Amino acid sequence: MNSLQTRTERPPEGLARGIVVAPKWAVAALGAAVVLGAIIYLVVRVRRARKNLRAP
């Protein structure tokens, strides 16, 4: 009976394990950098938009 059943191997729980294994702090740092970059980008866009509205 064992030969008829397929055995599924699962990766260890936690962060997905791909070709390159990254520590949790590296994933968190990358996420923080992306969020910080997005916030800076949006602030710059809002400042430029306000500047263009004030200057005739």
PDB file of N, CA and C in Angstrom:
ATOM      1  N   MET A   1       0.796  -1.201   0.000  1.00  0.00           N
ATOM      2  CA  MET A   1       0.000   0.000   0.000  1.00  0.00           C
ATOM      3  C   MET A   1       0.847   1.278   0.000  1.00  0.00           C
ATOM      4  N   ASN A   2       2.009   1.227   0.595  1.00  0.00           N
ATOM      5  CA  ASN A   2       2.843   2.417   0.668  1.00  0.00           C
ATOM      6  C   ASN A   2       3.266   2.916  -0.700  1.00  0.00           C
ATOM      7  N   SER A   3       3.414   2.055  -1.665  1.00  0.00           N
ATOM      8  CA  SER A   3       3.866   2.469  -2.982  1.00  0.00           C
ATOM      9  C   SER A   3       2.791   3.237  -3.741  1.00  0.00           C
ATOM     10  N   LEU A   4       1.542   3.133  -3.333  1.00  0.00           N
ATOM     11  CA  LEU A   4       0.454   3.841  -4.009  1.00  0.00           C
ATOM     12  C   LEU A   4       0.269   5.256  -3.485  1.00  0.00           C
ATOM     13  N   GLN A   5       0.782   5.548  -2.329  1.00  0.00           N
ATOM     14  CA  GLN A   5       0.618   6.862  -1.736  1.00  0.00           C
ATOM     15  C   GLN A   5       1.809   7.745  -2.092  1.00  0.00           C
ATOM     16  N   THR A   6       1.513   8.981  -2.425  1.00  0.00           N
ATOM     17  CA  THR A   6       2.596   9.926  -2.697  1.00  0.00           C
ATOM     18  C   THR A   6       2.971  10.622  -1.401  1.00  0.00           C
ATOM     19  N   ARG A   7       4.246  10.814  -1.236  1.00  0.00           N
ATOM     20  CA  ARG A   7       4.741  11.473  -0.035  1.00  0.00           C
ATOM     21  C   ARG A   7       5.119  12.899  -0.385  1.00  0.00           C
ATOM     22  N   THR A   8       4.575  13.847   0.350  1.00  0.00           N
ATOM     23  CA  THR A   8       4.842  15.257   0.103  1.00  0.00           C
ATOM     24  C   THR A   8       5.836  15.760   1.129  1.00  0.00           C
ATOM     25  N   GLU A   9       6.950  16.262   0.640  1.00  0.00           N
ATOM     26  CA  GLU A   9       7.937  16.850   1.541  1.00  0.00           C
ATOM     27  C   GLU A   9       7.678  18.345   1.626  1.00  0.00           C
ATOM     28  N   ARG A  10       7.639  18.842   2.820  1.00  0.00           N
ATOM     29  CA  ARG A  10       7.365  20.256   3.036  1.00  0.00           C
ATOM     30  C   ARG A  10       8.611  20.960   3.578  1.00  0.00           C
ATOM     31  N   PRO A  11       8.792  22.233   3.183  1.00  0.00           N
ATOM     32  CA  PRO A  11       9.929  22.983   3.731  1.00  0.00           C
ATOM     33  C   PRO A  11       9.684  23.293   5.202  1.00  0.00           C
ATOM     34  N   PRO A  12      10.734  23.651   5.928  1.00  0.00           N
ATOM     35  CA  PRO A  12      10.542  24.006   7.332  1.00  0.00           C
ATOM     36  C   PRO A  12       9.680  25.257   7.459  1.00  0.00           C
ATOM     37  N   GLU A  13       8.963  25.371   8.570  1.00  0.00           N
ATOM     38  CA  GLU A  13       8.101  26.532   8.778  1.00  0.00           C
ATOM     39  C   GLU A  13       8.931  27.800   8.898  1.00  0.00           C
ATOM     40  N   GLY A  14       8.301  28.933   8.627  1.00  0.00           N
ATOM     41  CA  GLY A  14       8.993  30.216   8.707  1.00  0.00           C
ATOM     42  C   GLY A  14       9.090  30.828   7.320  1.00  0.00           C
ATOM     43  N   LEU A  15      10.132  31.583   7.113  1.00  0.00           N
ATOM     44  CA  LEU A  15      10.333  32.234   5.824  1.00  0.00           C
ATOM     45  C   LEU A  15      10.547  31.181   4.741  1.00  0.00           C
ATOM     46  N   ALA A  16      10.080  31.489   3.543  1.00  0.00           N
ATOM     47  CA  ALA A  16      10.214  30.545   2.429  1.00  0.00           C
ATOM     48  C   ALA A  16      11.688  30.264   2.165  1.00  0.00           C
ATOM     49  N   ARG A  17      11.989  29.055   1.858  1.00  0.00           N
ATOM     50  CA  ARG A  17      13.369  28.656   1.584  1.00  0.00           C
ATOM     51  C   ARG A  17      13.558  28.519   0.082  1.00  0.00           C
ATOM     52  N   GLY A  18      14.320  29.422  -0.492  1.00  0.00           N
ATOM     53  CA  GLY A  18      14.584  29.380  -1.922  1.00  0.00           C
ATOM     54  C   GLY A  18      16.026  29.008  -2.177  1.00  0.00           C
ATOM     55  N   ILE A  19      16.562  29.495  -3.285  1.00  0.00           N
ATOM     56  CA  ILE A  19      17.949  29.211  -3.626  1.00  0.00           C
ATOM     57  C   ILE A  19      18.884  29.864  -2.615  1.00  0.00           C
ATOM     58  N   VAL A  20      18.574  31.116  -2.255  1.00  0.00           N
ATOM     59  CA  VAL A  20      19.379  31.848  -1.289  1.00  0.00           C
ATOM     60  C   VAL A  20      18.573  31.960   0.004  1.00  0.00           C
ATOM     61  N   VAL A  21      19.141  31.514   1.092  1.00  0.00           N
ATOM     62  CA  VAL A  21      18.469  31.595   2.384  1.00  0.00           C
ATOM     63  C   VAL A  21      18.898  32.894   3.053  1.00  0.00           C
ATOM     64  N   ALA A  22      17.925  33.745   3.383  1.00  0.00           N
ATOM     65  CA  ALA A  22      18.223  35.027   4.010  1.00  0.00           C
ATOM     66  C   ALA A  22      17.732  35.011   5.452  1.00  0.00           C
ATOM     67  N   PRO A  23      18.487  35.626   6.347  1.00  0.00           N
ATOM     68  CA  PRO A  23      18.023  35.706   7.735  1.00  0.00           C
ATOM     69  C   PRO A  23      16.837  36.650   7.862  1.00  0.00           C
ATOM     70  N   LYS A  24      16.094  36.522   8.951  1.00  0.00           N
ATOM     71  CA  LYS A  24      14.892  37.339   9.147  1.00  0.00           C
ATOM     72  C   LYS A  24      15.211  38.826   9.157  1.00  0.00           C
ATOM     73  N   TRP A  25      16.360  39.193   9.744  1.00  0.00           N
ATOM     74  CA  TRP A  25      16.685  40.612   9.822  1.00  0.00           C
ATOM     75  C   TRP A  25      16.942  41.196   8.436  1.00  0.00           C
ATOM     76  N   ALA A  26      17.463  40.403   7.510  1.00  0.00           N
ATOM     77  CA  ALA A  26      17.719  40.894   6.155  1.00  0.00           C
ATOM     78  C   ALA A  26      16.404  41.139   5.414  1.00  0.00           C
ATOM     79  N   VAL A  27      15.450  40.249   5.613  1.00  0.00           N
ATOM     80  CA  VAL A  27      14.138  40.432   4.991  1.00  0.00           C
ATOM     81  C   VAL A  27      13.462  41.666   5.577  1.00  0.00           C
ATOM     82  N   ALA A  28      13.550  41.845   6.887  1.00  0.00           N
ATOM     83  CA  ALA A  28      12.954  43.013   7.537  1.00  0.00           C
ATOM     84  C   ALA A  28      13.630  44.303   7.072  1.00  0.00           C
ATOM     85  N   ALA A  29      14.952  44.284   6.927  1.00  0.00           N
ATOM     86  CA  ALA A  29      15.686  45.469   6.475  1.00  0.00           C
ATOM     87  C   ALA A  29      15.307  45.826   5.039  1.00  0.00           C
ATOM     88  N   LEU A  30      15.167  44.822   4.196  1.00  0.00           N
ATOM     89  CA  LEU A  30      14.760  45.080   2.815  1.00  0.00           C
ATOM     90  C   LEU A  30      13.354  45.666   2.767  1.00  0.00           C
ATOM     91  N   GLY A  31      12.453  45.118   3.546  1.00  0.00           N
ATOM     92  CA  GLY A  31      11.087  45.640   3.600  1.00  0.00           C
ATOM     93  C   GLY A  31      11.054  47.072   4.098  1.00  0.00           C
ATOM     94  N   ALA A  32      11.831  47.362   5.148  1.00  0.00           N
ATOM     95  CA  ALA A  32      11.891  48.723   5.682  1.00  0.00           C
ATOM     96  C   ALA A  32      12.464  49.692   4.657  1.00  0.00           C
ATOM     97  N   ALA A  33      13.461  49.262   3.906  1.00  0.00           N
ATOM     98  CA  ALA A  33      14.058  50.124   2.883  1.00  0.00           C
ATOM     99  C   ALA A  33      13.059  50.432   1.773  1.00  0.00           C
ATOM    100  N   VAL A  34      12.274  49.445   1.391  1.00  0.00           N
ATOM    101  CA  VAL A  34      11.264  49.665   0.348  1.00  0.00           C
ATOM    102  C   VAL A  34      10.202  50.638   0.837  1.00  0.00           C
ATOM    103  N   VAL A  35       9.732  50.455   2.062  1.00  0.00           N
ATOM    104  CA  VAL A  35       8.710  51.352   2.620  1.00  0.00           C
ATOM    105  C   VAL A  35       9.262  52.764   2.764  1.00  0.00           C
ATOM    106  N   LEU A  36      10.478  52.892   3.277  1.00  0.00           N
ATOM    107  CA  LEU A  36      11.089  54.207   3.431  1.00  0.00           C
ATOM    108  C   LEU A  36      11.282  54.888   2.079  1.00  0.00           C
ATOM    109  N   GLY A  37      11.717  54.139   1.084  1.00  0.00           N
ATOM    110  CA  GLY A  37      11.876  54.700  -0.260  1.00  0.00           C
ATOM    111  C   GLY A  37      10.553  55.174  -0.838  1.00  0.00           C
ATOM    112  N   ALA A  38       9.491  54.430  -0.614  1.00  0.00           N
ATOM    113  CA  ALA A  38       8.172  54.827  -1.109  1.00  0.00           C
ATOM    114  C   ALA A  38       7.694  56.098  -0.426  1.00  0.00           C
ATOM    115  N   ILE A  39       7.922  56.210   0.883  1.00  0.00           N
ATOM    116  CA  ILE A  39       7.511  57.412   1.615  1.00  0.00           C
ATOM    117  C   ILE A  39       8.286  58.625   1.121  1.00  0.00           C
ATOM    118  N   ILE A  40       9.592  58.487   0.941  1.00  0.00           N
ATOM    119  CA  ILE A  40      10.407  59.602   0.442  1.00  0.00           C
ATOM    120  C   ILE A  40       9.949  60.014  -0.946  1.00  0.00           C
ATOM    121  N   TYR A  41       9.671  59.037  -1.812  1.00  0.00           N
ATOM    122  CA  TYR A  41       9.204  59.322  -3.164  1.00  0.00           C
ATOM    123  C   TYR A  41       7.898  60.112  -3.136  1.00  0.00           C
ATOM    124  N   LEU A  42       6.959  59.691  -2.296  1.00  0.00           N
ATOM    125  CA  LEU A  42       5.672  60.385  -2.226  1.00  0.00           C
ATOM    126  C   LEU A  42       5.811  61.790  -1.656  1.00  0.00           C
ATOM    127  N   VAL A  43       6.678  61.967  -0.653  1.00  0.00           N
ATOM    128  CA  VAL A  43       6.896  63.300  -0.087  1.00  0.00           C
ATOM    129  C   VAL A  43       7.474  64.233  -1.137  1.00  0.00           C
ATOM    130  N   VAL A  44       8.429  63.757  -1.910  1.00  0.00           N
ATOM    131  CA  VAL A  44       9.030  64.580  -2.966  1.00  0.00           C
ATOM    132  C   VAL A  44       7.980  64.962  -4.009  1.00  0.00           C
ATOM    133  N   ARG A  45       7.124  64.026  -4.385  1.00  0.00           N
ATOM    134  CA  ARG A  45       6.079  64.331  -5.370  1.00  0.00           C
ATOM    135  C   ARG A  45       5.095  65.362  -4.848  1.00  0.00           C
ATOM    136  N   VAL A  46       4.718  65.264  -3.585  1.00  0.00           N
ATOM    137  CA  VAL A  46       3.773  66.228  -3.005  1.00  0.00           C
ATOM    138  C   VAL A  46       4.413  67.605  -2.933  1.00  0.00           C
ATOM    139  N   ARG A  47       5.685  67.669  -2.538  1.00  0.00           N
ATOM    140  CA  ARG A  47       6.369  68.970  -2.481  1.00  0.00           C
ATOM    141  C   ARG A  47       6.454  69.622  -3.858  1.00  0.00           C
ATOM    142  N   ARG A  48       6.780  68.838  -4.876  1.00  0.00           N
ATOM    143  CA  ARG A  48       6.860  69.393  -6.235  1.00  0.00           C
ATOM    144  C   ARG A  48       5.490  69.857  -6.714  1.00  0.00           C
ATOM    145  N   ALA A  49       4.443  69.111  -6.377  1.00  0.00           N
ATOM    146  CA  ALA A  49       3.092  69.502  -6.795  1.00  0.00           C
ATOM    147  C   ALA A  49       2.686  70.806  -6.117  1.00  0.00           C
ATOM    148  N   ARG A  50       2.989  70.950  -4.826  1.00  0.00           N
ATOM    149  CA  ARG A  50       2.666  72.198  -4.118  1.00  0.00           C
ATOM    150  C   ARG A  50       3.467  73.362  -4.676  1.00  0.00           C
ATOM    151  N   LYS A  51       4.723  73.114  -5.019  1.00  0.00           N
ATOM    152  CA  LYS A  51       5.579  74.174  -5.557  1.00  0.00           C
ATOM    153  C   LYS A  51       5.027  74.659  -6.894  1.00  0.00           C
ATOM    154  N   ASN A  52       4.553  73.749  -7.724  1.00  0.00           N
ATOM    155  CA  ASN A  52       4.011  74.123  -9.026  1.00  0.00           C
ATOM    156  C   ASN A  52       2.679  74.861  -8.898  1.00  0.00           C
ATOM    157  N   LEU A  53       1.927  74.609  -7.851  1.00  0.00           N
ATOM    158  CA  LEU A  53       0.660  75.324  -7.651  1.00  0.00           C
ATOM    159  C   LEU A  53       0.896  76.758  -7.207  1.00  0.00           C
ATOM    160  N   ARG A  54       1.931  76.996  -6.401  1.00  0.00           N
ATOM    161  CA  ARG A  54       2.217  78.341  -5.898  1.00  0.00           C
ATOM    162  C   ARG A  54       2.822  79.245  -6.969  1.00  0.00           C
ATOM    163  N   ALA A  55       3.699  78.715  -7.787  1.00  0.00           N
ATOM    164  CA  ALA A  55       4.382  79.538  -8.797  1.00  0.00           C
ATOM    165  C   ALA A  55       3.476  79.730 -10.010  1.00  0.00           C
ATOM    166  N   PRO A  56       3.172  80.984 -10.345  1.00  0.00           N
ATOM    167  CA  PRO A  56       2.293  81.245 -11.517  1.00  0.00           C
ATOM    168  C   PRO A  56       2.988  81.052 -12.835  1.00  0.00           C
TER     169      PRO A  56
END
